[in-house]
C-alpha atoms as a PDB file:
ATOM      1  CA  MET A   1       1.628 -22.703  -3.680  1.00  0.00           C
ATOM      2  CA  SER A   2      -2.016 -22.947  -3.157  1.00  0.00           C
ATOM      3  CA  LYS A   3      -4.057 -23.494  -6.261  1.00  0.00           C
ATOM      4  CA  LYS A   4      -6.688 -21.047  -5.189  1.00  0.00           C
ATOM      5  CA  ALA A   5      -5.909 -17.709  -3.543  1.00  0.00           C
ATOM      6  CA  LEU A   6      -7.864 -17.080  -0.457  1.00  0.00           C
ATOM      7  CA  PRO A   7      -9.372 -13.665   0.547  1.00  0.00           C
ATOM      8  CA  ILE A   8      -7.730 -11.712   3.190  1.00  0.00           C
ATOM      9  CA  ILE A   9      -9.716 -11.737   6.588  1.00  0.00           C
ATOM     10  CA  TYR A  10      -9.597  -8.336   8.258  1.00  0.00           C
ATOM     11  CA  ASN A  11      -9.696  -8.868  11.906  1.00  0.00           C
ATOM     12  CA  ALA A  12      -7.521  -6.718  14.150  1.00  0.00           C
ATOM     13  CA  ASN A  13      -7.818  -9.328  16.872  1.00  0.00           C
ATOM     14  CA  TYR A  14      -6.044 -11.865  14.857  1.00  0.00           C
ATOM     15  CA  HIS A  15      -2.207 -12.457  15.960  1.00  0.00           C
ATOM     16  CA  THR A  16       0.868 -11.780  14.123  1.00  0.00           C
ATOM     17  CA  THR A  17       2.968 -14.852  15.046  1.00  0.00           C
ATOM     18  CA  ILE A  18       6.588 -14.822  13.939  1.00  0.00           C
ATOM     19  CA  ALA A  19       9.984 -16.122  15.017  1.00  0.00           C
ATOM     20  CA  ASN A  20      11.980 -13.789  17.379  1.00  0.00           C
ATOM     21  CA  ASP A  21      14.834 -13.954  14.993  1.00  0.00           C
ATOM     22  CA  VAL A  22      13.015 -12.170  12.290  1.00  0.00           C
ATOM     23  CA  LEU A  23      11.543  -9.647  14.850  1.00  0.00           C
ATOM     24  CA  LYS A  24      14.995  -8.706  16.125  1.00  0.00           C
ATOM     25  CA  GLY A  25      16.345  -8.606  12.650  1.00  0.00           C
ATOM     26  CA  LYS A  26      17.075  -5.365  10.601  1.00  0.00           C
ATOM     27  CA  GLN A  27      14.288  -4.217   8.604  1.00  0.00           C
ATOM     28  CA  GLU A  28      13.443  -1.158   6.344  1.00  0.00           C
ATOM     29  CA  MET A  29      10.111  -0.227   4.848  1.00  0.00           C
ATOM     30  CA  THR A  30       7.413   2.309   4.778  1.00  0.00           C
ATOM     31  CA  LEU A  31       4.620   2.218   7.366  1.00  0.00           C
ATOM     32  CA  GLN A  32       1.904   0.891   4.935  1.00  0.00           C
ATOM     33  CA  GLU A  33       4.321  -1.892   3.760  1.00  0.00           C
ATOM     34  CA  ALA A  34       4.991  -2.812   7.378  1.00  0.00           C
ATOM     35  CA  ARG A  35       1.127  -2.912   8.144  1.00  0.00           C
ATOM     36  CA  ILE A  36       0.574  -4.747   4.917  1.00  0.00           C
ATOM     37  CA  ILE A  37       3.097  -7.648   5.651  1.00  0.00           C
ATOM     38  CA  ARG A  38       1.870  -7.929   9.223  1.00  0.00           C
ATOM     39  CA  LEU A  39      -1.730  -8.284   7.890  1.00  0.00           C
ATOM     40  CA  VAL A  40      -0.682 -11.149   5.681  1.00  0.00           C
ATOM     41  CA  ILE A  41       1.222 -12.841   8.552  1.00  0.00           C
ATOM     42  CA  THR A  42      -1.999 -12.846  10.556  1.00  0.00           C
ATOM     43  CA  GLN A  43      -3.576 -14.920   7.840  1.00  0.00           C
ATOM     44  CA  VAL A  44      -1.133 -18.006   8.740  1.00  0.00           C
ATOM     45  CA  ALA A  45      -3.149 -20.503  10.684  1.00  0.00           C
ATOM     46  CA  LYS A  46      -1.698 -22.481  13.604  1.00  0.00           C
ATOM     47  CA  ASP A  47      -2.343 -25.768  11.871  1.00  0.00           C
ATOM     48  CA  ASP A  48      -1.161 -24.589   8.294  1.00  0.00           C
ATOM     49  CA  THR A  49       1.608 -26.772   6.909  1.00  0.00           C
ATOM     50  CA  ASP A  50       2.162 -24.683   3.604  1.00  0.00           C
ATOM     51  CA  LEU A  51       2.139 -21.004   2.759  1.00  0.00           C
ATOM     52  CA  LYS A  52      -0.879 -19.808   0.978  1.00  0.00           C
ATOM     53  CA  THR A  53      -1.716 -17.052  -1.457  1.00  0.00           C
ATOM     54  CA  TYR A  54      -4.044 -14.275  -0.462  1.00  0.00           C
ATOM     55  CA  THR A  55      -6.146 -11.563  -2.221  1.00  0.00           C
ATOM     56  CA  CYS A  56      -7.564  -8.387  -0.985  1.00  0.00           C
ATOM     57  CA  ASN A  57      -9.805  -5.562  -2.426  1.00  0.00           C
ATOM     58  CA  ILE A  58      -8.077  -2.184  -2.338  1.00  0.00           C
ATOM     59  CA  GLN A  59     -10.960  -0.422  -1.000  1.00  0.00           C
ATOM     60  CA  ASP A  60     -11.364  -2.992   1.894  1.00  0.00           C
ATOM     61  CA  LEU A  61      -7.734  -2.830   2.490  1.00  0.00           C
ATOM     62  CA  ALA A  62      -7.733   0.976   2.820  1.00  0.00           C
ATOM     63  CA  THR A  63     -10.528   0.908   5.129  1.00  0.00           C
ATOM     64  CA  PHE A  64      -8.903  -1.511   7.437  1.00  0.00           C
ATOM     65  CA  LEU A  65      -5.703   0.332   7.290  1.00  0.00           C
ATOM     66  CA  GLY A  66      -7.643   3.609   7.961  1.00  0.00           C
ATOM     67  CA  ILE A  67      -6.282   5.443   4.701  1.00  0.00           C
ATOM     68  CA  ALA A  68      -7.876   7.060   1.776  1.00  0.00           C
ATOM     69  CA  ASP A  69      -8.602   4.393  -0.959  1.00  0.00           C
ATOM     70  CA  GLY A  70      -7.612   6.965  -3.425  1.00  0.00           C
ATOM     71  CA  ASN A  71      -4.063   7.136  -2.118  1.00  0.00           C
ATOM     72  CA  LEU A  72      -3.796   3.381  -2.261  1.00  0.00           C
ATOM     73  CA  TYR A  73      -5.095   3.209  -5.646  1.00  0.00           C
ATOM     74  CA  ARG A  74      -2.601   5.924  -6.712  1.00  0.00           C
ATOM     75  CA  ASP A  75       0.345   4.208  -4.926  1.00  0.00           C
ATOM     76  CA  VAL A  76      -0.587   0.432  -5.321  1.00  0.00           C
ATOM     77  CA  GLN A  77       1.761  -0.512  -8.127  1.00  0.00           C
ATOM     78  CA  HIS A  78       4.633   1.186  -6.499  1.00  0.00           C
ATOM     79  CA  ILE A  79       3.710  -0.605  -3.042  1.00  0.00           C
ATOM     80  CA  CYS A  80       3.503  -3.978  -4.784  1.00  0.00           C
ATOM     81  CA  GLY A  81       6.952  -3.293  -6.509  1.00  0.00           C
ATOM     82  CA  ASN A  82       8.557  -2.352  -3.194  1.00  0.00           C
ATOM     83  CA  LEU A  83       6.873  -5.233  -1.288  1.00  0.00           C
ATOM     84  CA  VAL A  84       8.619  -7.957  -3.159  1.00  0.00           C
ATOM     85  CA  GLN A  85      11.957  -6.041  -2.859  1.00  0.00           C
ATOM     86  CA  ARG A  86      11.586  -5.715   0.914  1.00  0.00           C
ATOM     87  CA  ALA A  87      13.909  -8.108   2.938  1.00  0.00           C
ATOM     88  CA  VAL A  88      14.847  -8.709   6.760  1.00  0.00           C
ATOM     89  CA  TRP A  89      18.344  -9.166   7.720  1.00  0.00           C
ATOM     90  CA  VAL A  90      18.533 -11.962  10.291  1.00  0.00           C
ATOM     91  CA  GLY A  91      21.511 -12.293  12.555  1.00  0.00           C
ATOM     92  CA  THR A  92      23.605 -15.524  12.215  1.00  0.00           C
ATOM     93  CA  GLY A  93      25.829 -15.347  15.169  1.00  0.00           C
ATOM     94  CA  ASN A  94      28.733 -15.887  12.700  1.00  0.00           C
ATOM     95  CA  PRO A  95      31.253 -12.667  13.020  1.00  0.00           C
ATOM     96  CA  LYS A  96      32.550 -13.308   9.407  1.00  0.00           C
ATOM     97  CA  ASN A  97      29.052 -13.653   7.950  1.00  0.00           C
ATOM     98  CA  PRO A  98      26.755 -11.750  10.483  1.00  0.00           C
ATOM     99  CA  TRP A  99      23.466 -11.614   8.345  1.00  0.00           C
ATOM    100  CA  LYS A 100      21.371 -13.548   6.087  1.00  0.00           C
ATOM    101  CA  VAL A 101      18.984 -11.626   4.058  1.00  0.00           C
ATOM    102  CA  LEU A 102      15.235 -12.971   3.550  1.00  0.00           C
ATOM    103  CA  PRO A 103      12.715 -11.604   1.347  1.00  0.00           C
ATOM    104  CA  TRP A 104       9.278 -11.045   2.944  1.00  0.00           C
ATOM    105  CA  LEU A 105       7.221 -11.782  -0.108  1.00  0.00           C
ATOM    106  CA  GLN A 106       7.404 -13.924  -3.300  1.00  0.00           C
ATOM    107  CA  LEU A 107       4.464 -12.348  -4.910  1.00  0.00           C
ATOM    108  CA  ALA A 108       2.778  -8.929  -4.653  1.00  0.00           C
ATOM    109  CA  GLU A 109       0.747  -8.312  -7.735  1.00  0.00           C
ATOM    110  CA  TYR A 110      -2.110  -5.961  -8.668  1.00  0.00           C
ATOM    111  CA  ASP A 111      -4.524  -6.938 -11.366  1.00  0.00           C
ATOM    112  CA  GLY A 112      -5.295  -3.236 -12.445  1.00  0.00           C
ATOM    113  CA  ALA A 113      -8.977  -3.768 -11.369  1.00  0.00           C
ATOM    114  CA  GLY A 114      -8.830  -3.351  -7.666  1.00  0.00           C
ATOM    115  CA  THR A 115      -7.438  -6.650  -6.462  1.00  0.00           C
ATOM    116  CA  ILE A 116      -3.954  -7.299  -4.950  1.00  0.00           C
ATOM    117  CA  THR A 117      -2.577 -10.835  -4.579  1.00  0.00           C
ATOM    118  CA  LEU A 118       0.119 -11.490  -1.931  1.00  0.00           C
ATOM    119  CA  MET A 119       2.096 -14.640  -0.909  1.00  0.00           C
ATOM    120  CA  LEU A 120       4.857 -14.938   1.795  1.00  0.00           C
ATOM    121  CA  SER A 121       8.270 -16.086   0.388  1.00  0.00           C
ATOM    122  CA  GLU A 122       9.464 -19.684   0.909  1.00  0.00           C
ATOM    123  CA  ALA A 123      12.446 -18.273   2.971  1.00  0.00           C
ATOM    124  CA  MET A 124       9.936 -17.101   5.563  1.00  0.00           C
ATOM    125  CA  ARG A 125       8.533 -20.542   5.792  1.00  0.00           C
ATOM    126  CA  PRO A 126      10.381 -21.596   9.189  1.00  0.00           C
ATOM    127  CA  TYR A 127       9.797 -18.371  10.555  1.00  0.00           C
ATOM    128  CA  VAL A 128       5.834 -18.354  10.522  1.00  0.00           C
ATOM    129  CA  LEU A 129       4.888 -22.147  10.153  1.00  0.00           C
ATOM    130  CA  GLU A 130       4.848 -24.861  12.731  1.00  0.00           C
ATOM    131  CA  LEU A 131       6.536 -22.684  15.541  1.00  0.00           C
ATOM    132  CA  ASP A 132       7.112 -24.188  18.797  1.00  0.00           C
ATOM    133  CA  LYS A 133       9.506 -22.025  20.552  1.00  0.00           C
ATOM    134  CA  TYR A 134      11.404 -18.673  20.252  1.00  0.00           C
ATOM    135  CA  PHE A 135       8.461 -17.004  18.741  1.00  0.00           C
ATOM    136  CA  THR A 136       6.099 -13.971  19.607  1.00  0.00           C
ATOM    137  CA  GLN A 137       2.457 -13.331  19.203  1.00  0.00           C
ATOM    138  CA  TYR A 138       0.591  -9.961  19.424  1.00  0.00           C
ATOM    139  CA  GLN A 139      -2.685  -8.863  18.380  1.00  0.00           C
ATOM    140  CA  LEU A 140      -2.651  -6.819  15.063  1.00  0.00           C
ATOM    141  CA  GLU A 141      -4.701  -4.051  16.712  1.00  0.00           C
ATOM    142  CA  ASN A 142      -1.801  -2.974  18.772  1.00  0.00           C
ATOM    143  CA  ILE A 143       0.222  -1.696  15.626  1.00  0.00           C
ATOM    144  CA  LEU A 144      -2.700  -0.910  13.252  1.00  0.00           C
ATOM    145  CA  GLN A 145      -3.226   2.874  14.541  1.00  0.00           C
ATOM    146  CA  MET A 146       0.539   3.555  14.655  1.00  0.00           C
ATOM    147  CA  SER A 147       1.633   6.248  12.278  1.00  0.00           C
ATOM    148  CA  SER A 148       5.272   5.499  12.616  1.00  0.00           C
ATOM    149  CA  PHE A 149       7.204   2.444  11.377  1.00  0.00           C
ATOM    150  CA  TYR A 150       9.538   3.018  14.303  1.00  0.00           C
ATOM    151  CA  GLY A 151       6.768   2.603  16.889  1.00  0.00           C
ATOM    152  CA  ILE A 152       5.894  -0.879  15.234  1.00  0.00           C
ATOM    153  CA  ARG A 153       9.429  -1.936  15.354  1.00  0.00           C
ATOM    154  CA  MET A 154      10.136  -0.796  18.967  1.00  0.00           C
ATOM    155  CA  TYR A 155       6.920  -2.693  20.074  1.00  0.00           C
ATOM    156  CA  GLU A 156       7.916  -5.802  18.292  1.00  0.00           C
ATOM    157  CA  LEU A 157      11.333  -5.640  20.019  1.00  0.00           C
ATOM    158  CA  LEU A 158      10.056  -5.187  23.284  1.00  0.00           C
ATOM    159  CA  LYS A 159       7.070  -7.623  22.990  1.00  0.00           C
ATOM    160  CA  CYS A 160       9.460 -10.649  21.826  1.00  0.00           C
ATOM    161  CA  ASN A 161      11.249 -10.398  25.268  1.00  0.00           C
ATOM    162  CA  GLU A 162       9.050 -11.934  27.994  1.00  0.00           C
ATOM    163  CA  TYR A 163       8.730  -9.361  30.829  1.00  0.00           C
ATOM    164  CA  LYS A 164       7.115  -8.658  33.976  1.00  0.00           C
ATOM    165  CA  ASN A 165       5.414  -5.350  34.731  1.00  0.00           C
ATOM    166  CA  GLY A 166       8.050  -2.747  35.312  1.00  0.00           C
ATOM    167  CA  GLU A 167      10.925  -5.055  34.285  1.00  0.00           C
ATOM    168  CA  TYR A 168      13.874  -3.427  32.520  1.00  0.00           C
ATOM    169  CA  GLN A 169      15.041  -4.244  29.063  1.00  0.00           C
ATOM    170  CA  GLU A 170      18.435  -2.761  28.280  1.00  0.00           C
ATOM    171  CA  TYR A 171      19.764  -2.367  24.718  1.00  0.00           C
ATOM    172  CA  SER A 172      23.076  -0.567  23.440  1.00  0.00           C
ATOM    173  CA  ILE A 173      22.643   2.494  21.339  1.00  0.00           C
ATOM    174  CA  ASP A 174      24.695   0.605  18.636  1.00  0.00           C
ATOM    175  CA  PHE A 175      22.078  -2.164  18.471  1.00  0.00           C
ATOM    176  CA  LEU A 176      19.210   0.096  18.372  1.00  0.00           C
ATOM    177  CA  ARG A 177      20.662   2.188  15.529  1.00  0.00           C
ATOM    178  CA  GLN A 178      21.230  -1.121  13.861  1.00  0.00           C
ATOM    179  CA  TYR A 179      17.751  -2.344  14.585  1.00  0.00           C
ATOM    180  CA  PHE A 180      15.998   0.587  13.283  1.00  0.00           C
ATOM    181  CA  SER A 181      18.294   0.862  10.256  1.00  0.00           C
ATOM    182  CA  CYS A 182      19.577   4.270  11.348  1.00  0.00           C
ATOM    183  CA  GLU A 183      23.288   3.576  11.118  1.00  0.00           C
ATOM    184  CA  LYS A 184      23.726   6.457   8.860  1.00  0.00           C
ATOM    185  CA  LYS A 185      20.958   8.804  10.187  1.00  0.00           C
ATOM    186  CA  TYR A 186      20.736  11.050  13.350  1.00  0.00           C
ATOM    187  CA  SER A 187      24.401  10.721  14.158  1.00  0.00           C
ATOM    188  CA  VAL A 188      23.967  13.029  17.079  1.00  0.00           C
ATOM    189  CA  PHE A 189      22.290  11.007  19.915  1.00  0.00           C
ATOM    190  CA  LYS A 190      19.827  13.545  20.913  1.00  0.00           C
ATOM    191  CA  ASP A 191      18.539  13.598  17.429  1.00  0.00           C
ATOM    192  CA  PHE A 192      18.130   9.933  17.356  1.00  0.00           C
ATOM    193  CA  ARG A 193      16.431   9.972  20.665  1.00  0.00           C
ATOM    194  CA  ARG A 194      14.005  12.793  19.665  1.00  0.00           C
ATOM    195  CA  ARG A 195      13.246  11.537  15.996  1.00  0.00           C
ATOM    196  CA  VAL A 196      13.233   7.747  16.642  1.00  0.00           C
ATOM    197  CA  LEU A 197      13.011   6.572  20.366  1.00  0.00           C
ATOM    198  CA  GLU A 198      10.727   9.074  21.572  1.00  0.00           C
ATOM    199  CA  VAL A 199       8.622   8.812  18.492  1.00  0.00           C
ATOM    200  CA  ALA A 200       8.245   5.306  19.017  1.00  0.00           C
ATOM    201  CA  ILE A 201       7.601   5.300  22.719  1.00  0.00           C
ATOM    202  CA  ARG A 202       4.659   7.884  22.281  1.00  0.00           C
ATOM    203  CA  GLU A 203       3.254   5.425  19.580  1.00  0.00           C
ATOM    204  CA  ILE A 204       3.416   2.613  21.852  1.00  0.00           C
ATOM    205  CA  ASN A 205       2.251   4.327  24.884  1.00  0.00           C
ATOM    206  CA  ASN A 206      -0.918   5.809  23.158  1.00  0.00           C
ATOM    207  CA  LYS A 207      -1.822   3.009  20.901  1.00  0.00           C
ATOM    208  CA  SER A 208      -0.921  -0.440  22.213  1.00  0.00           C
ATOM    209  CA  ASP A 209      -1.239  -2.793  25.240  1.00  0.00           C
ATOM    210  CA  LEU A 210       2.281  -1.766  26.438  1.00  0.00           C
ATOM    211  CA  TYR A 211       3.327   1.468  28.369  1.00  0.00           C
ATOM    212  CA  ILE A 212       7.076   2.197  28.121  1.00  0.00           C
ATOM    213  CA  ASP A 213       9.370   4.464  30.006  1.00  0.00           C
ATOM    214  CA  TYR A 214      13.040   4.920  29.606  1.00  0.00           C
ATOM    215  CA  ILE A 215      14.433   4.678  33.024  1.00  0.00           C
ATOM    216  CA  GLU A 216      18.096   5.594  32.937  1.00  0.00           C
ATOM    217  CA  TYR A 217      21.074   6.077  30.496  1.00  0.00           C
ATOM    218  CA  LYS A 218      24.379   4.106  30.843  1.00  0.00           C
ATOM    219  CA  ILE A 219      26.977   6.822  30.829  1.00  0.00           C
ATOM    220  CA  THR A 220      30.490   6.072  29.736  1.00  0.00           C
ATOM    221  CA  ARG A 221      32.820   9.176  29.393  1.00  0.00           C
ATOM    222  CA  ARG A 222      29.809  11.348  29.215  1.00  0.00           C
ATOM    223  CA  LYS A 223      28.506   9.449  26.234  1.00  0.00           C
ATOM    224  CA  THR A 224      25.225   7.551  26.183  1.00  0.00           C
ATOM    225  CA  THR A 225      25.976   3.843  25.320  1.00  0.00           C
ATOM    226  CA  SER A 226      22.788   2.176  26.208  1.00  0.00           C
ATOM    227  CA  ILE A 227      19.259   2.808  27.388  1.00  0.00           C
ATOM    228  CA  LYS A 228      17.069   0.713  29.808  1.00  0.00           C
ATOM    229  CA  PHE A 229      13.311   0.591  29.022  1.00  0.00           C
ATOM    230  CA  ALA A 230      10.729  -0.177  31.824  1.00  0.00           C
ATOM    231  CA  VAL A 231       7.897  -2.081  30.269  1.00  0.00           C
ATOM    232  CA  PHE A 232       4.401  -1.995  31.766  1.00  0.00           C
ATOM    233  CA  ASP A 233       1.048  -3.372  30.843  1.00  0.00           C
ATOM    234  CA  ASN A 234      -0.913  -0.483  29.380  1.00  0.00           C
ATOM    235  CA  TYR A 235      -4.260  -1.435  31.003  1.00  0.00           C
ATOM    236  CA  ASP A 236      -2.702  -1.579  34.564  1.00  0.00           C
ATOM    237  CA  VAL A 237      -1.059   1.855  33.930  1.00  0.00           C
ATOM    238  CA  MET A 238      -4.338   3.446  32.680  1.00  0.00           C
ATOM    239  CA  LYS A 239      -6.388   1.714  35.626  1.00  0.00           C
ATOM    240  CA  ASN A 240      -3.928   3.184  38.372  1.00  0.00           C
ATOM    241  CA  ARG A 241      -4.166   6.631  36.699  1.00  0.00           C
ATOM    242  CA  LYS A 242      -8.005   6.363  37.025  1.00  0.00           C
ATOM    243  CA  GLN A 243      -7.911   5.113  40.431  1.00  0.00           C
ATOM    244  CA  LEU A 244      -5.406   8.039  41.302  1.00  0.00           C
ATOM    245  CA  LYS A 245      -7.560  10.589  39.813  1.00  0.00           C
ATOM    246  CA  GLU A 246     -10.628   9.376  41.604  1.00  0.00           C
ATOM    247  CA  ASP A 247      -8.715   9.305  45.025  1.00  0.00           C
ATOM    248  CA  ASN A 248      -7.492  12.934  44.293  1.00  0.00           C
ATOM    249  CA  GLN A 249     -11.166  13.848  43.400  1.00  0.00           C
ATOM    250  CA  LEU A 250     -12.272  12.342  46.838  1.00  0.00           C
ATOM    251  CA  LYS A 251      -9.750  14.166  48.792  1.00  0.00           C
ATOM    252  CA  LEU A 252     -10.781  17.428  46.938  1.00  0.00           C
ATOM    253  CA  GLY A 253     -14.513  16.581  47.691  1.00  0.00           C
ATOM    254  CA  MET A 254     -15.283  16.789  44.123  1.00  0.00           C
ATOM    255  CA  VAL A 255     -17.158  13.286  44.280  1.00  0.00           C
END
C-alpha cells in the first residue's frame, strides 16, 4: 500500500483499463457504486507496478458524477460499506468450480469530514496492472452519463470484443441472464428484454460511442435462446443520419 494517499483526478477522458475476464464476469452493484469503482480504476497508470490509495472529496465526487452532494453525504457511509463487500465472479473454465470471487476494494473509508479513501483489492492486481493482452480500454465519459447499471454492463460486454462496424455479436439468453445477475429476475423473456436489454441499449445508443441494434433472435421451439447484437460506431451512425437529413432537405428544396 502506498504510504501517502493520492487525490483522485477527475477526468472523463481517462480510460478504464481492465482484463476481459473481469468485464465478462458476474457483477452486482448499484449504479453509483459501479461508477465509483470505474473511476478508481481510471487512476491506475500504465507504468504503475503497485496498487495505490486514493482520496476524494464528496462535493467534488458528486459534481463529477452529476448527483446532488447532499445525497452523497447522506448515503456515503452506506456506499463505503457496500463497496468493500462488492465482488466480481470470474469464470475459471472448471465445470466443478466455475467461479472465483474477487473483491473490488480492500479499503473504502469515510473520515466524517467530507473525504473518502479508496483502494483496489490485492485480488484485482493482475486484472488492472501490467496488462499486455486480453484487456479492454474505454473512456470513462462513455458510461458516466448512464442512469442504468445494465447500460454500463452491456457496454463493457460489447466493448471487450473487438468488432468491425455492423459486425454481429451473439450471446445466449442464459449467458445474458447470468451476466446481468438476473437468474432469478424477469423469468419471462419479454420482461427481461424490456427491463434489461432494451434499457441498456437505449443508454448505450444515447450516451456512448457505440450504437447497438439487436438484429435477430435465434428461435428454437418458439423459444428465444440467443440474441445477435449489431455493433456500430456511434459517430458514423450520427454522421450518416445528418447526411441523410441533409439529402432529404435538398430533395425537398429546403436548403
